[in-house]
């Protein structure tokens, strides 16, 4: 990791635009090959008014399954508004060992050679494991990254937050994200450490946020850059953004979401400190804090944290026993399935309005699925493929719409040399609209399938309209 850090710092000085032709601005380029390593590539968006004669802010994006164009497409409107370059790696992915660091280095080097980048406004973002990758890079390079937008996950356990971090942090979590409580806890920790931060909750689960959320996130980064002297202060811009922040809180009040309104209002004074007077936000947050609805929201949040911690601990024991105790393997598997059945029972049917309690159980169920997926990935790394296949099947039985479980099951089968079975699983994923051709094409474990005509057909057959890119 030390060499990774030194590389990133050294790369900051490679800000010249090389002889390579600058890609067209105002459009998303799905695949820009790195000049020094064509095996590494990234999706790229340049704002329509991009001019290489001056430096531009940039944000690097990391998707958990290496879909570089997915976050770039989601960010492009915000990038156009705020004047950012966006680059999304097509190689960094979850559970790739050192692969994500290598991919990040390659994209960093190529963009710094090819484009005009402002070294004082370099940011990273990621979803899930990609978010942990983004935070890890920011911690490791110790000053060459000025901000992180973490979506659906916080820091890597190997690089936890600490006092003296040299970047700001904007957290995003879906209200049904299984890592929601992690993001809440992370906000508290960062505040204790004195790290400028903001947490925004959007409607959804463990996923990239809507376009508008990224617009708000980039605005927040711009405000922090102004506060820290990395961007010229624009008083008109600041005033407009304060009004919009207050309007977002008003919208939550109008929708009856008083706890979310309180969360927004209490963050505004810190967001605008030194730039504008936000006393009104502070006063209104104080008023809402006394409301029963807000007190109830805090109680449910604490209950959610306790339930997910308890479930995670119990599940870890069951998964460990399943993997390591042959005599208790079937018993542990039965308990695992029983736990999923009980969690599903506590989740409200789709036809019913979701209560705060049901939302907690839905998040906990999703967390249990993710934890089981991670255990299956660990088994696959250990070449315990039979355990991995069993656990991937457990997840798919719980959630028949889990394209990730099918994709990973196909990966395991391919590594086992069971090509026909791997292709059959991928075909099921394609027919259900759960696995996209680009994901398949970017998955290293499927290279061994490329000589199969059946596999090649899956890559070119059209995906149902509801499918994954």
Protein backbone atom coordinates (compact mmCIF):
# COMPACT_ATOMS: atom_id res chain seq x y z
CA UNK A 1 0.00 0.00 0.00
CA UNK A 2 2.98 2.30 0.62
CA UNK A 3 3.96 2.01 -3.05
CA UNK A 4 0.34 2.75 -3.98
CA UNK A 5 0.46 5.94 -1.92
CA UNK A 6 3.79 7.06 -3.40
CA UNK A 7 2.52 6.39 -6.91
CA UNK A 8 -0.58 8.50 -6.40
CA UNK A 9 1.38 11.40 -4.94
CA UNK A 10 3.92 11.28 -7.75
CA UNK A 11 1.15 11.15 -10.31
CA UNK A 12 -0.16 14.53 -9.16
CA UNK A 13 2.69 16.15 -11.03
CA UNK A 14 1.79 14.51 -14.33
CA UNK A 15 -0.73 17.23 -15.20
CA UNK A 16 0.45 17.87 -18.74
CA UNK A 17 -1.86 16.93 -21.58
CA UNK A 18 0.02 14.37 -23.66
CA UNK A 19 -0.05 13.83 -27.38
CA UNK A 20 -3.06 11.52 -27.11
CA UNK A 21 -6.10 13.13 -28.63
CA UNK A 22 -8.52 14.59 -26.10
CA UNK A 23 -11.85 12.70 -26.24
CA UNK A 24 -14.94 14.59 -27.37
CA UNK A 25 -16.60 16.59 -24.60
CA UNK A 26 -20.28 16.47 -23.60
CA UNK A 27 -20.69 12.72 -24.20
CA UNK A 28 -19.95 9.58 -22.19
CA UNK A 29 -17.14 7.45 -23.61
CA UNK A 30 -17.76 3.89 -22.32
CA UNK A 31 -14.19 2.70 -22.85
CA UNK A 32 -10.98 4.72 -22.90
CA UNK A 33 -8.00 2.36 -22.89
CA UNK A 34 -5.07 3.37 -20.72
CA UNK A 35 -2.11 4.20 -22.93
CA UNK A 36 0.43 2.39 -20.74
CA UNK A 37 -1.79 -0.65 -20.11
CA UNK A 38 -4.57 -1.26 -22.67
CA UNK A 39 -5.97 -4.05 -20.47
CA UNK A 40 -7.08 -1.28 -18.11
CA UNK A 41 -9.83 1.07 -19.26
CA UNK A 42 -12.36 3.57 -17.94
CA UNK A 43 -15.54 5.36 -18.89
CA UNK A 44 -15.09 9.11 -19.24
CA UNK A 45 -17.18 12.25 -19.29
CA UNK A 46 -15.80 15.71 -20.05
CA UNK A 47 -18.10 18.70 -19.49
CA UNK A 48 -19.24 20.27 -22.76
CA UNK A 49 -17.15 23.40 -22.15
CA UNK A 50 -13.98 21.47 -21.30
CA UNK A 51 -10.87 23.43 -22.26
CA UNK A 52 -7.44 21.82 -21.75
CA UNK A 53 -5.91 25.25 -21.26
CA UNK A 54 -7.14 25.36 -17.67
CA UNK A 55 -7.31 22.73 -14.89
CA UNK A 56 -10.62 21.03 -14.03
CA UNK A 57 -11.98 19.19 -10.99
CA UNK A 58 -12.23 15.43 -11.43
CA UNK A 59 -14.08 12.63 -9.68
CA UNK A 60 -13.01 9.00 -10.01
CA UNK A 61 -15.79 6.40 -9.67
CA UNK A 62 -15.61 2.75 -8.62
CA UNK A 63 -18.51 0.39 -9.28
CA UNK A 64 -18.57 -2.91 -7.32
CA UNK A 65 -18.81 -4.99 -10.50
CA UNK A 66 -16.61 -2.86 -12.76
CA UNK A 67 -19.39 -1.12 -14.72
CA UNK A 68 -17.46 2.09 -15.26
CA UNK A 69 -20.10 3.76 -17.40
CA UNK A 70 -22.89 3.25 -14.83
CA UNK A 71 -21.65 5.84 -12.28
CA UNK A 72 -20.37 8.08 -15.09
CA UNK A 73 -23.83 8.16 -16.68
CA UNK A 74 -25.36 8.84 -13.27
CA UNK A 75 -22.88 11.66 -12.57
CA UNK A 76 -22.77 13.37 -15.94
CA UNK A 77 -25.61 15.88 -15.31
CA UNK A 78 -24.06 16.94 -12.01
CA UNK A 79 -20.63 17.08 -13.63
CA UNK A 80 -21.98 19.25 -16.42
CA UNK A 81 -23.54 21.67 -13.91
CA UNK A 82 -20.47 21.91 -11.67
CA UNK A 83 -17.81 21.55 -14.36
CA UNK A 84 -16.27 18.22 -13.35
CA UNK A 85 -14.48 15.50 -15.28
CA UNK A 86 -15.75 12.01 -14.37
CA UNK A 87 -13.78 8.79 -14.87
CA UNK A 88 -15.15 5.35 -13.93
CA UNK A 89 -12.88 2.31 -13.87
CA UNK A 90 -13.92 -0.68 -15.98
CA UNK A 91 -11.62 -3.00 -14.02
CA UNK A 92 -11.92 -2.21 -10.31
CA UNK A 93 -14.38 -4.59 -8.67
CA UNK A 94 -15.24 -6.18 -5.33
CA UNK A 95 -13.17 -9.14 -4.17
CA UNK A 96 -10.38 -8.59 -6.71
CA UNK A 97 -7.51 -8.57 -4.22
CA UNK A 98 -5.03 -5.92 -5.31
CA UNK A 99 -6.86 -5.54 -8.64
CA UNK A 100 -8.79 -2.44 -7.60
CA UNK A 101 -5.63 -0.63 -6.50
CA UNK A 102 -3.94 -1.51 -9.80
CA UNK A 103 -6.99 -0.32 -11.74
CA UNK A 104 -7.14 2.93 -9.77
CA UNK A 105 -3.45 3.61 -10.42
CA UNK A 106 -3.88 2.98 -14.14
CA UNK A 107 -6.87 5.32 -14.48
CA UNK A 108 -5.19 7.97 -12.34
CA UNK A 109 -2.03 7.92 -14.44
CA UNK A 110 -3.82 7.95 -17.78
CA UNK A 111 -6.20 10.79 -16.91
CA UNK A 112 -3.39 12.91 -15.48
CA UNK A 113 -1.38 12.39 -18.65
CA UNK A 114 -4.32 12.96 -20.98
CA UNK A 115 -6.36 15.70 -19.29
CA UNK A 116 -5.97 19.05 -17.53
CA UNK A 117 -6.74 18.28 -13.87
CA UNK A 118 -6.88 20.62 -10.89
CA UNK A 119 -4.78 18.95 -8.15
CA UNK A 120 -6.72 20.90 -5.50
CA UNK A 121 -10.08 19.42 -6.57
CA UNK A 122 -9.60 15.68 -6.96
CA UNK A 123 -12.39 13.47 -5.61
CA UNK A 124 -13.39 9.81 -5.50
CA UNK A 125 -16.70 8.01 -5.21
CA UNK A 126 -17.86 4.43 -5.14
CA UNK A 127 -20.76 2.14 -4.37
CA UNK A 128 -20.55 -0.67 -1.81
CA UNK A 129 -17.07 -2.20 -2.03
CA UNK A 130 -16.24 0.54 -4.51
CA UNK A 131 -16.96 3.05 -1.76
CA UNK A 132 -14.49 1.29 0.51
CA UNK A 133 -11.96 1.37 -2.32
CA UNK A 134 -12.51 5.11 -2.73
CA UNK A 135 -12.01 5.78 0.99
CA UNK A 136 -8.95 3.51 1.12
CA UNK A 137 -7.32 5.41 -1.74
CA UNK A 138 -8.08 8.74 -0.07
CA UNK A 139 -6.57 7.59 3.24
CA UNK A 140 -3.52 6.04 1.57
CA UNK A 141 -2.55 8.99 -0.59
CA UNK A 142 -2.75 11.34 2.43
CA UNK A 143 -3.67 14.63 0.79
CA UNK A 144 -3.89 14.04 -2.96
CA UNK A 145 -7.64 13.36 -2.67
CA UNK A 146 -9.69 16.24 -1.27
CA UNK A 147 -13.07 14.55 -0.87
CA UNK A 148 -14.96 11.25 -0.94
CA UNK A 149 -18.58 10.56 -1.86
CA UNK A 150 -19.25 7.22 -0.20
CA UNK A 151 -22.37 5.38 -1.36
CA UNK A 152 -23.75 2.46 0.60
CA UNK A 153 -20.56 1.67 2.54
CA UNK A 154 -17.91 3.44 4.56
CA UNK A 155 -14.25 2.74 5.18
CA UNK A 156 -12.31 -0.49 4.82
CA UNK A 157 -11.56 -2.18 8.14
CA UNK A 158 -7.90 -2.11 7.07
CA UNK A 159 -8.00 1.71 6.78
CA UNK A 160 -10.54 3.02 9.33
CA UNK A 161 -11.16 6.76 9.77
CA UNK A 162 -8.78 8.52 12.11
CA UNK A 163 -8.10 12.00 13.41
CA UNK A 164 -6.31 14.23 10.96
CA UNK A 165 -7.89 12.94 7.75
CA UNK A 166 -7.07 15.34 4.94
CA UNK A 167 -10.30 15.02 2.99
CA UNK A 168 -14.00 15.76 3.46
CA UNK A 169 -16.65 13.03 3.33
CA UNK A 170 -20.16 13.02 1.86
CA UNK A 171 -22.15 9.89 2.68
CA UNK A 172 -25.12 8.63 0.68
CA UNK A 173 -27.37 5.75 1.70
CA UNK A 174 -30.71 4.45 0.51
CA UNK A 175 -33.32 4.26 3.26
CA UNK A 176 -33.50 0.50 2.64
CA UNK A 177 -29.75 0.00 2.23
CA UNK A 178 -28.45 -2.76 4.50
CA UNK A 179 -25.45 -0.51 5.21
CA UNK A 180 -27.68 2.39 6.28
CA UNK A 181 -26.78 1.94 9.95
CA UNK A 182 -23.09 1.73 9.06
CA UNK A 183 -23.36 5.10 7.32
CA UNK A 184 -25.18 6.60 10.33
CA UNK A 185 -22.46 5.30 12.66
CA UNK A 186 -19.76 6.58 10.30
CA UNK A 187 -21.22 10.08 10.35
CA UNK A 188 -21.06 10.08 14.14
CA UNK A 189 -17.47 8.86 14.09
CA UNK A 190 -16.33 11.43 11.52
CA UNK A 191 -17.99 14.21 13.51
CA UNK A 192 -16.18 13.05 16.65
CA UNK A 193 -12.90 13.16 14.72
CA UNK A 194 -13.60 16.67 13.45
CA UNK A 195 -13.79 15.59 9.79
CA UNK A 196 -16.17 17.75 7.70
CA UNK A 197 -18.95 15.43 6.62
CA UNK A 198 -22.57 15.17 5.51
CA UNK A 199 -25.01 12.26 5.36
CA UNK A 200 -27.85 12.27 2.87
CA UNK A 201 -30.53 9.53 2.78
CA UNK A 202 -32.39 8.88 -0.46
CA UNK A 203 -35.32 6.68 -1.42
CA UNK A 204 -33.96 3.30 -2.47
CA UNK A 205 -31.73 0.45 -1.41
CA UNK A 206 -28.11 -0.57 -1.92
CA UNK A 207 -27.61 1.22 -5.23
CA UNK A 208 -26.19 4.24 -6.97
CA UNK A 209 -28.30 7.28 -6.02
CA UNK A 210 -30.57 9.26 -8.35
CA UNK A 211 -29.06 11.95 -10.55
CA UNK A 212 -30.34 14.78 -8.34
CA UNK A 213 -28.52 13.36 -5.32
CA UNK A 214 -25.22 13.59 -7.14
CA UNK A 215 -25.97 17.20 -8.04
CA UNK A 216 -26.43 17.95 -4.34
CA UNK A 217 -23.26 16.02 -3.47
CA UNK A 218 -21.09 17.98 -5.91
CA UNK A 219 -22.53 21.24 -4.62
CA UNK A 220 -21.47 20.20 -1.12
CA UNK A 221 -17.96 19.44 -2.36
CA UNK A 222 -17.84 22.86 -4.02
CA UNK A 223 -18.86 24.56 -0.77
CA UNK A 224 -16.17 22.72 1.17
CA UNK A 225 -13.60 23.70 -1.45
CA UNK A 226 -14.62 27.35 -1.01
CA UNK A 227 -14.33 27.06 2.78
CA UNK A 228 -10.84 25.56 2.46
CA UNK A 229 -9.60 28.05 -0.13
CA UNK A 230 -9.37 25.50 -2.94
CA UNK A 231 -12.10 27.21 -4.97
CA UNK A 232 -12.96 30.89 -5.27
CA UNK A 233 -15.85 31.93 -3.04
CA UNK A 234 -18.97 32.84 -5.04
CA UNK A 235 -21.41 34.57 -2.70
CA UNK A 236 -24.30 34.35 -5.16
CA UNK A 237 -23.74 30.61 -5.54
CA UNK A 238 -23.53 30.16 -1.76
CA UNK A 239 -26.76 32.07 -1.19
CA UNK A 240 -28.60 30.01 -3.82
CA UNK A 241 -27.36 26.74 -2.36
CA UNK A 242 -28.39 27.73 1.17
CA UNK A 243 -31.89 28.47 -0.10
CA UNK A 244 -32.01 25.10 -1.86
CA UNK A 245 -30.79 23.28 1.24
CA UNK A 246 -33.58 24.89 3.26
CA UNK A 247 -36.06 23.99 0.52
CA UNK A 248 -35.02 20.32 0.74
CA UNK A 249 -35.73 20.36 4.45
CA UNK A 250 -39.09 22.06 3.82
CA UNK A 251 -39.97 19.31 1.33
CA UNK A 252 -39.30 16.67 3.98
CA UNK A 253 -41.55 18.50 6.44
CA UNK A 254 -44.30 18.75 3.82
CA UNK A 255 -44.02 15.00 3.18
CA UNK A 256 -44.33 14.28 6.89
CA UNK A 257 -40.74 13.07 7.19
CA UNK A 258 -39.84 15.14 10.23
CA UNK A 259 -36.84 13.06 11.25
CA UNK A 260 -35.27 13.43 7.80
CA UNK A 261 -36.05 17.16 7.88
CA UNK A 262 -34.32 17.38 11.26
CA UNK A 263 -31.30 15.48 9.88
CA UNK A 264 -31.03 17.95 7.00
CA UNK A 265 -31.47 21.09 9.10
CA UNK A 266 -28.95 20.18 11.78
CA UNK A 267 -26.24 19.68 9.14
CA UNK A 268 -26.75 22.98 7.32
CA UNK A 269 -24.92 25.24 9.83
CA UNK A 270 -21.72 23.18 9.55
CA UNK A 271 -22.05 22.92 5.77
CA UNK A 272 -22.17 26.70 5.38
CA UNK A 273 -19.99 27.76 8.32
CA UNK A 274 -17.76 30.64 7.25
CA UNK A 275 -19.73 31.15 4.05
CA UNK A 276 -23.23 32.21 5.13
CA UNK A 277 -25.40 32.74 8.19
CA UNK A 278 -27.43 29.57 8.75
CA UNK A 279 -28.95 30.52 12.11
CA UNK A 280 -32.47 29.85 10.80
CA UNK A 281 -31.59 26.22 10.07
CA UNK A 282 -30.13 25.79 13.54
CA UNK A 283 -33.24 27.27 15.18
CA UNK A 284 -35.61 25.10 13.17
CA UNK A 285 -33.57 21.97 13.92
CA UNK A 286 -33.89 22.81 17.61
CA UNK A 287 -37.65 23.13 17.29
CA UNK A 288 -37.99 19.81 15.47
CA UNK A 289 -35.76 18.06 17.98
CA UNK A 290 -38.48 18.52 20.58
CA UNK A 291 -41.15 16.90 18.40
CA UNK A 292 -42.27 13.38 19.31
CA UNK A 293 -41.88 12.24 15.70
CA UNK A 294 -38.18 13.14 15.75
CA UNK A 295 -37.63 11.48 19.12
CA UNK A 296 -39.35 8.38 17.73
CA UNK A 297 -37.11 8.49 14.66
CA UNK A 298 -34.03 8.48 16.87
CA UNK A 299 -35.37 5.50 18.84
CA UNK A 300 -36.00 3.50 15.65
CA UNK A 301 -32.50 4.32 14.42
CA UNK A 302 -30.96 2.97 17.61
CA UNK A 303 -33.15 -0.14 17.39
CA UNK A 304 -32.01 -0.68 13.81
CA UNK A 305 -28.36 -0.51 14.84
CA UNK A 306 -28.90 -2.99 17.67
CA UNK A 307 -30.88 -5.47 15.52
CA UNK A 308 -28.40 -5.44 12.66
CA UNK A 309 -25.45 -5.87 15.02
CA UNK A 310 -27.17 -8.81 16.72
CA UNK A 311 -28.13 -10.45 13.42
CA UNK A 312 -24.66 -9.94 11.95
CA UNK A 313 -22.98 -11.56 14.95
CA UNK A 314 -25.32 -14.57 14.91
CA UNK A 315 -25.00 -14.99 11.16
CA UNK A 316 -21.21 -14.82 11.34
CA UNK A 317 -21.23 -17.74 13.77
CA UNK A 318 -23.54 -19.82 11.59
CA UNK A 319 -21.52 -19.14 8.43
CA UNK A 320 -18.28 -19.95 10.21
CA UNK A 321 -19.71 -23.22 11.51
CA UNK A 322 -21.02 -24.10 8.05
CA UNK A 323 -17.56 -23.60 6.57
CA UNK A 324 -15.37 -25.19 9.26
CA UNK A 325 -17.36 -27.80 11.23
CA UNK A 326 -18.29 -30.80 9.03
CA UNK A 327 -20.26 -32.45 11.86
CA UNK A 328 -22.51 -29.39 12.25
CA UNK A 329 -22.55 -28.26 8.61
CA UNK A 330 -26.15 -29.28 7.86
CA UNK A 331 -27.41 -27.95 11.20
CA UNK A 332 -25.72 -24.59 10.59
CA UNK A 333 -27.22 -24.44 7.09
CA UNK A 334 -30.68 -25.19 8.48
CA UNK A 335 -30.33 -22.39 11.06
CA UNK A 336 -29.15 -20.05 8.33
CA UNK A 337 -32.18 -20.78 6.17
CA UNK A 338 -34.49 -20.49 9.19
CA UNK A 339 -33.06 -17.05 10.01
CA UNK A 340 -33.79 -15.87 6.48
CA UNK A 341 -37.35 -17.25 6.67
CA UNK A 342 -38.02 -15.34 9.90
CA UNK A 343 -36.59 -12.09 8.55
CA UNK A 344 -38.72 -12.37 5.40
CA UNK A 345 -41.79 -12.94 7.59
CA UNK A 346 -41.15 -9.66 9.41
CA UNK A 347 -40.91 -7.63 6.21
CA UNK A 348 -44.15 -6.00 5.10
CA UNK A 349 -45.78 -7.37 1.93
CA UNK A 350 -45.36 -5.11 -1.09
CA UNK A 351 -49.04 -4.16 -0.99
CA UNK A 352 -48.76 -2.72 2.52
CA UNK A 353 -47.35 0.63 3.53
CA UNK A 354 -43.91 0.10 4.99
CA UNK A 355 -43.59 0.93 8.68
CA UNK A 356 -40.39 1.97 10.40
CA UNK A 357 -40.20 -1.50 11.96
CA UNK A 358 -40.71 -3.29 8.65
CA UNK A 359 -38.04 -1.07 7.07
CA UNK A 360 -35.58 -2.18 9.75
CA UNK A 361 -36.26 -5.84 9.00
CA UNK A 362 -35.98 -5.27 5.26
CA UNK A 363 -32.54 -3.69 5.75
CA UNK A 364 -31.53 -6.50 8.10
CA UNK A 365 -32.64 -9.10 5.55
CA UNK A 366 -30.58 -7.39 2.85
CA UNK A 367 -27.62 -7.24 5.23
CA UNK A 368 -27.91 -10.99 5.87
CA UNK A 369 -27.94 -11.63 2.11
CA UNK A 370 -24.83 -9.49 1.64
CA UNK A 371 -23.06 -11.18 4.53
CA UNK A 372 -23.83 -14.59 3.06
CA UNK A 373 -22.61 -13.42 -0.36
CA UNK A 374 -19.34 -12.29 1.23
CA UNK A 375 -18.93 -15.65 2.97
CA UNK A 376 -19.52 -17.38 -0.38
CA UNK A 377 -16.90 -15.14 -2.02
CA UNK A 378 -14.44 -16.02 0.76
CA UNK A 379 -15.14 -19.71 0.17
CA UNK A 380 -14.50 -19.22 -3.54
CA UNK A 381 -11.15 -17.53 -2.83
CA UNK A 382 -10.28 -20.55 -0.64
CA UNK A 383 -11.27 -22.84 -3.54
CA UNK A 384 -14.05 -24.28 -1.39
CA UNK A 385 -16.36 -24.13 -4.39
CA UNK A 386 -19.04 -26.48 -3.08
CA UNK A 387 -19.61 -24.26 -0.03
CA UNK A 388 -19.64 -21.20 -2.27
CA UNK A 389 -22.28 -22.72 -4.56
CA UNK A 390 -24.47 -23.69 -1.60
CA UNK A 391 -24.34 -20.18 -0.13
CA UNK A 392 -25.00 -18.50 -3.47
CA UNK A 393 -28.07 -20.75 -3.78
CA UNK A 394 -29.22 -19.69 -0.30
CA UNK A 395 -29.11 -16.04 -1.38
CA UNK A 396 -30.92 -16.72 -4.65
CA UNK A 397 -33.63 -18.71 -2.84
CA UNK A 398 -34.21 -15.71 -0.58
CA UNK A 399 -34.08 -13.19 -3.42
CA UNK A 400 -34.88 -14.62 -6.88
CA UNK A 401 -34.05 -11.21 -8.35
CA UNK A 402 -30.44 -11.34 -7.19
CA UNK A 403 -28.45 -11.11 -10.38
CA UNK A 404 -25.29 -10.90 -8.30
CA UNK A 405 -25.93 -14.34 -6.76
CA UNK A 406 -26.38 -15.84 -10.23
CA UNK A 407 -23.32 -14.06 -11.60
CA UNK A 408 -21.17 -15.26 -8.72
CA UNK A 409 -22.50 -18.81 -8.97
CA UNK A 410 -21.49 -18.81 -12.64
CA UNK A 411 -18.05 -17.52 -11.67
CA UNK A 412 -17.61 -20.38 -9.22
CA UNK A 413 -18.76 -22.97 -11.77
CA UNK A 414 -16.39 -21.54 -14.37
CA UNK A 415 -13.46 -21.75 -11.93
CA UNK A 416 -14.42 -25.38 -11.28
CA UNK A 417 -14.19 -26.07 -15.02
CA UNK A 418 -17.93 -26.73 -15.29
CA UNK A 419 -18.39 -24.55 -18.34
CA UNK A 420 -21.78 -25.88 -19.46
CA UNK A 421 -23.29 -25.34 -16.02
CA UNK A 422 -21.78 -21.85 -15.80
CA UNK A 423 -23.30 -20.94 -19.17
CA UNK A 424 -26.67 -22.37 -18.08
CA UNK A 425 -26.67 -20.11 -14.99
CA UNK A 426 -25.71 -17.10 -17.10
CA UNK A 427 -28.49 -17.92 -19.55
CA UNK A 428 -30.97 -17.92 -16.67
CA UNK A 429 -29.65 -14.54 -15.57
CA UNK A 430 -29.95 -13.16 -19.09
CA UNK A 431 -33.48 -14.52 -19.55
CA UNK A 432 -34.56 -12.94 -16.27
CA UNK A 433 -32.94 -9.63 -17.23
CA UNK A 434 -30.60 -9.81 -14.22
CA UNK A 435 -27.16 -10.08 -15.87
CA UNK A 436 -25.88 -7.75 -18.57
CA UNK A 437 -23.48 -8.49 -21.41
CA UNK A 438 -21.02 -5.80 -20.34
CA UNK A 439 -20.75 -7.30 -16.87
CA UNK A 440 -20.14 -10.74 -18.35
CA UNK A 441 -17.55 -9.40 -20.76
CA UNK A 442 -15.71 -7.62 -17.92
CA UNK A 443 -15.66 -10.66 -15.60
CA UNK A 444 -12.21 -12.34 -15.70
CA UNK A 445 -13.55 -15.77 -14.68
CA UNK A 446 -15.55 -15.94 -17.92
CA UNK A 447 -12.52 -15.66 -20.21
CA UNK A 448 -12.41 -19.47 -20.31
CA UNK A 449 -15.96 -19.50 -21.71
CA UNK A 450 -15.22 -17.32 -24.73
CA UNK A 451 -14.52 -20.28 -27.02
CA UNK A 452 -18.10 -21.48 -26.52
CA UNK A 453 -20.63 -20.48 -29.17
CA UNK A 454 -23.42 -20.66 -26.56
CA UNK A 455 -21.57 -18.15 -24.40
CA UNK A 456 -20.90 -15.81 -27.32
CA UNK A 457 -24.60 -15.89 -28.19
CA UNK A 458 -25.44 -14.74 -24.66
CA UNK A 459 -23.23 -11.69 -25.18
CA UNK A 460 -25.05 -10.55 -28.31
CA UNK A 461 -28.64 -11.58 -27.56
CA UNK A 462 -30.77 -8.58 -26.55
CA UNK A 463 -31.49 -8.22 -22.85
CA UNK A 464 -35.07 -7.71 -21.62
CA UNK A 465 -35.88 -4.03 -21.11
CA UNK A 466 -35.73 -4.39 -17.32
CA UNK A 467 -32.23 -5.82 -17.46
CA UNK A 468 -28.91 -4.76 -16.05
CA UNK A 469 -26.34 -3.05 -18.34
